[in-house]
């Protein structure tokens, strides 16, 4: 098997494994977390947060493997076989498609960091990716995850952290 094919397969396996790893990490903290089994969905995970005196809040999360940066795009295929037969086209994550992009940054075979990038911030940045160095404030910041739908809080916090 050619190296390119092995590399593409490994990237695919890593992507699926990383989704499961993120679900496991979040499930230990929030309990009610699940992978989404909808092949054309623009998000991978549902997180259900209990709210006092309110109905549950549902957060739609897209998981991305993050080495040096996090990509905010979807709807494209990489690897040797780039023929993509669905009607989904390339798009940038936004508040319409999900609530947060979670970048999983592997530190080793069993150690990870999570970067929570709210789509309200992505809408403000108007770019397809961002360097992890620029968003250290978002690393393992569970308050950002929990308040990812609160646009004014997110934008204020990100301005204070000099992300925008």
Protein backbone atom coordinates (compact mmCIF):
# COMPACT_ATOMS: atom_id res chain seq x y z
CA UNK A 1 0.00 0.00 0.00
CA UNK A 2 1.45 3.43 -0.94
CA UNK A 3 2.48 5.73 1.93
CA UNK A 4 -0.09 8.36 0.88
CA UNK A 5 -2.87 5.83 1.20
CA UNK A 6 -1.64 4.72 4.64
CA UNK A 7 -1.36 8.34 5.74
CA UNK A 8 -4.93 9.06 4.58
CA UNK A 9 -6.30 6.00 6.34
CA UNK A 10 -4.47 6.87 9.55
CA UNK A 11 -5.81 10.43 9.41
CA UNK A 12 -9.33 9.05 9.03
CA UNK A 13 -8.87 6.64 11.93
CA UNK A 14 -7.40 9.43 14.07
CA UNK A 15 -10.37 11.68 13.30
CA UNK A 16 -12.91 9.06 14.40
CA UNK A 17 -10.82 8.15 17.46
CA UNK A 18 -10.51 11.81 18.44
CA UNK A 19 -14.28 12.24 18.33
CA UNK A 20 -14.62 9.32 20.77
CA UNK A 21 -11.85 10.68 23.00
CA UNK A 22 -13.56 14.09 23.20
CA UNK A 23 -16.89 12.42 24.00
CA UNK A 24 -15.22 10.43 26.79
CA UNK A 25 -13.52 13.50 28.29
CA UNK A 26 -16.73 15.54 28.16
CA UNK A 27 -18.90 12.66 29.39
CA UNK A 28 -16.81 12.39 32.57
CA UNK A 29 -17.46 16.10 33.23
CA UNK A 30 -21.02 16.59 31.93
CA UNK A 31 -22.42 13.02 31.78
CA UNK A 32 -25.05 13.64 29.08
CA UNK A 33 -22.82 13.70 25.95
CA UNK A 34 -23.20 11.71 22.75
CA UNK A 35 -21.78 11.26 19.29
CA UNK A 36 -24.19 12.23 16.53
CA UNK A 37 -24.87 9.43 14.07
CA UNK A 38 -26.03 11.66 11.21
CA UNK A 39 -23.64 11.43 8.24
CA UNK A 40 -24.53 14.82 6.73
CA UNK A 41 -24.59 16.67 10.05
CA UNK A 42 -22.34 19.72 10.45
CA UNK A 43 -21.53 18.71 14.03
CA UNK A 44 -20.18 15.54 15.67
CA UNK A 45 -21.26 15.73 19.29
CA UNK A 46 -24.24 16.85 21.36
CA UNK A 47 -23.60 18.08 24.90
CA UNK A 48 -26.66 18.50 27.12
CA UNK A 49 -26.13 20.90 30.01
CA UNK A 50 -28.66 21.08 32.84
CA UNK A 51 -29.83 24.61 33.58
CA UNK A 52 -31.37 25.72 36.88
CA UNK A 53 -35.07 26.58 36.50
CA UNK A 54 -34.80 26.08 32.72
CA UNK A 55 -34.92 23.34 30.17
CA UNK A 56 -31.68 21.63 29.27
CA UNK A 57 -29.31 23.51 26.99
CA UNK A 58 -28.01 21.59 23.97
CA UNK A 59 -24.58 22.43 22.56
CA UNK A 60 -23.66 21.24 19.06
CA UNK A 61 -19.92 20.59 18.78
CA UNK A 62 -17.67 19.85 15.82
CA UNK A 63 -14.42 18.02 16.64
CA UNK A 64 -11.21 18.77 14.76
CA UNK A 65 -7.75 17.32 15.20
CA UNK A 66 -5.46 20.22 16.05
CA UNK A 67 -1.70 19.91 15.62
CA UNK A 68 -0.48 23.51 15.15
CA UNK A 69 -3.81 25.06 14.20
CA UNK A 70 -7.55 24.33 14.13
CA UNK A 71 -9.47 24.28 10.88
CA UNK A 72 -12.99 25.71 10.88
CA UNK A 73 -14.05 24.25 7.52
CA UNK A 74 -16.11 21.21 6.64
CA UNK A 75 -17.71 19.57 3.64
CA UNK A 76 -14.46 18.58 1.94
CA UNK A 77 -12.49 15.37 1.76
CA UNK A 78 -8.72 14.99 1.83
CA UNK A 79 -6.50 12.14 0.82
CA UNK A 80 -5.98 10.30 -2.43
CA UNK A 81 -9.70 9.97 -3.23
CA UNK A 82 -11.05 13.51 -3.16
CA UNK A 83 -14.22 12.71 -5.08
CA UNK A 84 -17.06 13.73 -2.80
CA UNK A 85 -20.46 12.71 -4.03
CA UNK A 86 -22.82 14.36 -1.54
CA UNK A 87 -24.47 17.72 -2.06
CA UNK A 88 -22.53 19.19 0.87
CA UNK A 89 -19.97 21.76 -0.26
CA UNK A 90 -17.11 23.41 1.60
CA UNK A 91 -18.33 25.67 4.37
CA UNK A 92 -16.93 27.47 7.41
CA UNK A 93 -18.40 26.59 10.78
CA UNK A 94 -20.75 29.31 12.02
CA UNK A 95 -23.52 29.78 14.57
CA UNK A 96 -25.86 28.26 11.96
CA UNK A 97 -23.90 24.98 11.64
CA UNK A 98 -22.71 24.40 15.23
CA UNK A 99 -22.11 26.15 18.54
CA UNK A 100 -18.46 25.32 19.15
CA UNK A 101 -15.49 23.75 17.40
CA UNK A 102 -13.42 21.59 19.72
CA UNK A 103 -9.82 21.19 18.70
CA UNK A 104 -8.24 18.07 20.16
CA UNK A 105 -4.48 18.56 20.45
CA UNK A 106 -2.66 15.26 21.09
CA UNK A 107 0.27 15.64 23.49
CA UNK A 108 1.16 11.95 23.23
CA UNK A 109 -0.63 8.65 22.80
CA UNK A 110 -2.74 9.14 25.94
CA UNK A 111 -2.68 12.84 26.77
CA UNK A 112 -4.71 15.60 25.14
CA UNK A 113 -5.64 19.27 25.34
CA UNK A 114 -9.00 20.61 24.23
CA UNK A 115 -9.43 24.02 22.60
CA UNK A 116 -12.99 25.35 22.71
CA UNK A 117 -13.59 27.80 19.84
CA UNK A 118 -17.16 29.15 19.87
CA UNK A 119 -18.66 29.70 16.44
CA UNK A 120 -19.57 33.25 17.52
CA UNK A 121 -15.81 33.88 17.58
CA UNK A 122 -15.34 32.13 14.21
CA UNK A 123 -18.03 34.38 12.72
CA UNK A 124 -16.13 37.41 14.06
CA UNK A 125 -12.70 36.20 12.84
CA UNK A 126 -13.92 35.45 9.29
CA UNK A 127 -11.07 32.98 8.66
CA UNK A 128 -10.85 29.25 7.97
CA UNK A 129 -8.36 28.32 10.72
CA UNK A 130 -6.35 29.70 13.61
CA UNK A 131 -2.99 28.90 15.18
CA UNK A 132 -3.10 27.25 18.60
CA UNK A 133 -0.54 29.81 19.76
CA UNK A 134 -3.13 32.58 19.25
CA UNK A 135 -5.85 30.88 21.30
CA UNK A 136 -4.11 29.62 24.42
CA UNK A 137 -6.86 31.33 26.44
CA UNK A 138 -9.36 28.82 25.00
CA UNK A 139 -7.30 25.75 25.97
CA UNK A 140 -9.23 23.57 28.44
CA UNK A 141 -11.42 26.61 29.21
CA UNK A 142 -14.68 24.90 30.16
CA UNK A 143 -16.38 28.22 31.00
CA UNK A 144 -16.01 29.14 27.32
CA UNK A 145 -17.58 25.80 26.33
CA UNK A 146 -20.47 26.24 28.76
CA UNK A 147 -21.14 29.83 27.62
CA UNK A 148 -20.36 29.29 23.92
CA UNK A 149 -23.86 30.47 22.89
CA UNK A 150 -23.57 33.74 24.83
CA UNK A 151 -22.14 35.90 22.02
CA UNK A 152 -21.57 39.03 24.11
CA UNK A 153 -19.70 37.05 26.81
CA UNK A 154 -17.59 35.21 24.21
CA UNK A 155 -16.62 38.32 22.25
CA UNK A 156 -15.82 40.28 25.41
CA UNK A 157 -13.67 37.44 26.81
CA UNK A 158 -11.85 37.00 23.49
CA UNK A 159 -11.18 40.75 23.19
CA UNK A 160 -9.75 40.72 26.73
CA UNK A 161 -7.53 37.76 25.74
CA UNK A 162 -6.49 39.67 22.58
CA UNK A 163 -7.79 36.96 20.23
CA UNK A 164 -9.81 39.61 18.38
